Amino acid sequence: MDRVLHGRTGVSEASRKRVEEILKTTG
């Protein structure tokens, strides 16, 4: 997941934070 997010410059930080929150909620 991290590699894909870091690899894609089009992904905004907001989207990354959302993913992190989801991962924290599910994990």
PDB file of N, CA and C in Angstrom:
ATOM      1  N   MET A   1       0.853  -1.207   0.000  1.00  0.00           N
ATOM      2  CA  MET A   1       0.000   0.000   0.000  1.00  0.00           C
ATOM      3  C   MET A   1       0.886   1.253   0.000  1.00  0.00           C
ATOM      4  N   ASP A   2       1.833   1.289   0.940  1.00  0.00           N
ATOM      5  CA  ASP A   2       2.694   2.475   1.041  1.00  0.00           C
ATOM      6  C   ASP A   2       3.432   2.720  -0.263  1.00  0.00           C
ATOM      7  N   ARG A   3       3.954   1.651  -0.867  1.00  0.00           N
ATOM      8  CA  ARG A   3       4.706   1.806  -2.117  1.00  0.00           C
ATOM      9  C   ARG A   3       3.824   2.422  -3.186  1.00  0.00           C
ATOM     10  N   VAL A   4       2.588   1.967  -3.279  1.00  0.00           N
ATOM     11  CA  VAL A   4       1.680   2.496  -4.299  1.00  0.00           C
ATOM     12  C   VAL A   4       1.402   3.971  -4.019  1.00  0.00           C
ATOM     13  N   LEU A   5       1.118   4.308  -2.753  1.00  0.00           N
ATOM     14  CA  LEU A   5       0.802   5.696  -2.413  1.00  0.00           C
ATOM     15  C   LEU A   5       2.003   6.591  -2.696  1.00  0.00           C
ATOM     16  N   HIS A   6       3.188   6.141  -2.282  1.00  0.00           N
ATOM     17  CA  HIS A   6       4.386   6.960  -2.497  1.00  0.00           C
ATOM     18  C   HIS A   6       4.719   7.043  -3.976  1.00  0.00           C
ATOM     19  N   GLY A   7       4.457   5.948  -4.697  1.00  0.00           N
ATOM     20  CA  GLY A   7       4.778   5.913  -6.121  1.00  0.00           C
ATOM     21  C   GLY A   7       3.898   6.868  -6.909  1.00  0.00           C
ATOM     22  N   ARG A   8       2.640   6.993  -6.512  1.00  0.00           N
ATOM     23  CA  ARG A   8       1.730   7.874  -7.253  1.00  0.00           C
ATOM     24  C   ARG A   8       1.759   9.280  -6.668  1.00  0.00           C
ATOM     25  N   THR A   9       2.231  10.228  -7.462  1.00  0.00           N
ATOM     26  CA  THR A   9       2.295  11.607  -6.981  1.00  0.00           C
ATOM     27  C   THR A   9       0.910  12.241  -6.982  1.00  0.00           C
ATOM     28  N   GLY A  10      -0.012  11.667  -7.753  1.00  0.00           N
ATOM     29  CA  GLY A  10      -1.354  12.232  -7.860  1.00  0.00           C
ATOM     30  C   GLY A  10      -2.155  12.056  -6.575  1.00  0.00           C
ATOM     31  N   VAL A  11      -1.727  11.125  -5.727  1.00  0.00           N
ATOM     32  CA  VAL A  11      -2.464  10.899  -4.482  1.00  0.00           C
ATOM     33  C   VAL A  11      -2.172  12.033  -3.509  1.00  0.00           C
ATOM     34  N   SER A  12      -3.205  12.729  -3.101  1.00  0.00           N
ATOM     35  CA  SER A  12      -3.015  13.851  -2.181  1.00  0.00           C
ATOM     36  C   SER A  12      -2.806  13.350  -0.755  1.00  0.00           C
ATOM     37  N   GLU A  13      -2.232  14.198   0.092  1.00  0.00           N
ATOM     38  CA  GLU A  13      -1.978  13.800   1.477  1.00  0.00           C
ATOM     39  C   GLU A  13      -3.277  13.466   2.190  1.00  0.00           C
ATOM     40  N   ALA A  14      -4.350  14.157   1.821  1.00  0.00           N
ATOM     41  CA  ALA A  14      -5.639  13.901   2.455  1.00  0.00           C
ATOM     42  C   ALA A  14      -6.049  12.454   2.226  1.00  0.00           C
ATOM     43  N   SER A  15      -5.872  11.989   0.999  1.00  0.00           N
ATOM     44  CA  SER A  15      -6.233  10.607   0.687  1.00  0.00           C
ATOM     45  C   SER A  15      -5.368   9.655   1.501  1.00  0.00           C
ATOM     46  N   ARG A  16      -4.088   9.979   1.603  1.00  0.00           N
ATOM     47  CA  ARG A  16      -3.182   9.125   2.383  1.00  0.00           C
ATOM     48  C   ARG A  16      -3.648   9.063   3.830  1.00  0.00           C
ATOM     49  N   LYS A  17      -3.985  10.219   4.392  1.00  0.00           N
ATOM     50  CA  LYS A  17      -4.435  10.252   5.787  1.00  0.00           C
ATOM     51  C   LYS A  17      -5.703   9.434   5.945  1.00  0.00           C
ATOM     52  N   ARG A  18      -6.591   9.512   4.968  1.00  0.00           N
ATOM     53  CA  ARG A  18      -7.829   8.724   5.029  1.00  0.00           C
ATOM     54  C   ARG A  18      -7.497   7.246   5.075  1.00  0.00           C
ATOM     55  N   VAL A  19      -6.576   6.838   4.198  1.00  0.00           N
ATOM     56  CA  VAL A  19      -6.181   5.424   4.162  1.00  0.00           C
ATOM     57  C   VAL A  19      -5.582   5.020   5.501  1.00  0.00           C
ATOM     58  N   GLU A  20      -4.729   5.872   6.046  1.00  0.00           N
ATOM     59  CA  GLU A  20      -4.103   5.565   7.333  1.00  0.00           C
ATOM     60  C   GLU A  20      -5.159   5.407   8.416  1.00  0.00           C
ATOM     61  N   GLU A  21      -6.160   6.292   8.419  1.00  0.00           N
ATOM     62  CA  GLU A  21      -7.223   6.201   9.418  1.00  0.00           C
ATOM     63  C   GLU A  21      -7.985   4.899   9.256  1.00  0.00           C
ATOM     64  N   ILE A  22      -8.284   4.536   8.002  1.00  0.00           N
ATOM     65  CA  ILE A  22      -9.012   3.286   7.751  1.00  0.00           C
ATOM     66  C   ILE A  22      -8.184   2.100   8.237  1.00  0.00           C
ATOM     67  N   LEU A  23      -6.892   2.123   7.933  1.00  0.00           N
ATOM     68  CA  LEU A  23      -6.027   1.024   8.360  1.00  0.00           C
ATOM     69  C   LEU A  23      -6.005   0.942   9.883  1.00  0.00           C
ATOM     70  N   LYS A  24      -5.934   2.075  10.552  1.00  0.00           N
ATOM     71  CA  LYS A  24      -5.917   2.078  12.017  1.00  0.00           C
ATOM     72  C   LYS A  24      -7.238   1.545  12.561  1.00  0.00           C
ATOM     73  N   THR A  25      -8.351   1.901  11.897  1.00  0.00           N
ATOM     74  CA  THR A  25      -9.660   1.456  12.370  1.00  0.00           C
ATOM     75  C   THR A  25      -9.828  -0.042  12.158  1.00  0.00           C
ATOM     76  N   THR A  26      -9.380  -0.527  11.011  1.00  0.00           N
ATOM     77  CA  THR A  26      -9.537  -1.950  10.709  1.00  0.00           C
ATOM     78  C   THR A  26      -8.462  -2.768  11.403  1.00  0.00           C
ATOM     79  N   GLY A  27      -7.267  -2.213  11.514  1.00  0.00           N
ATOM     80  CA  GLY A  27      -6.156  -2.945  12.097  1.00  0.00           C
ATOM     81  C   GLY A  27      -6.110  -2.788  13.597  1.00  0.00           C
TER      82      GLY A  27
END
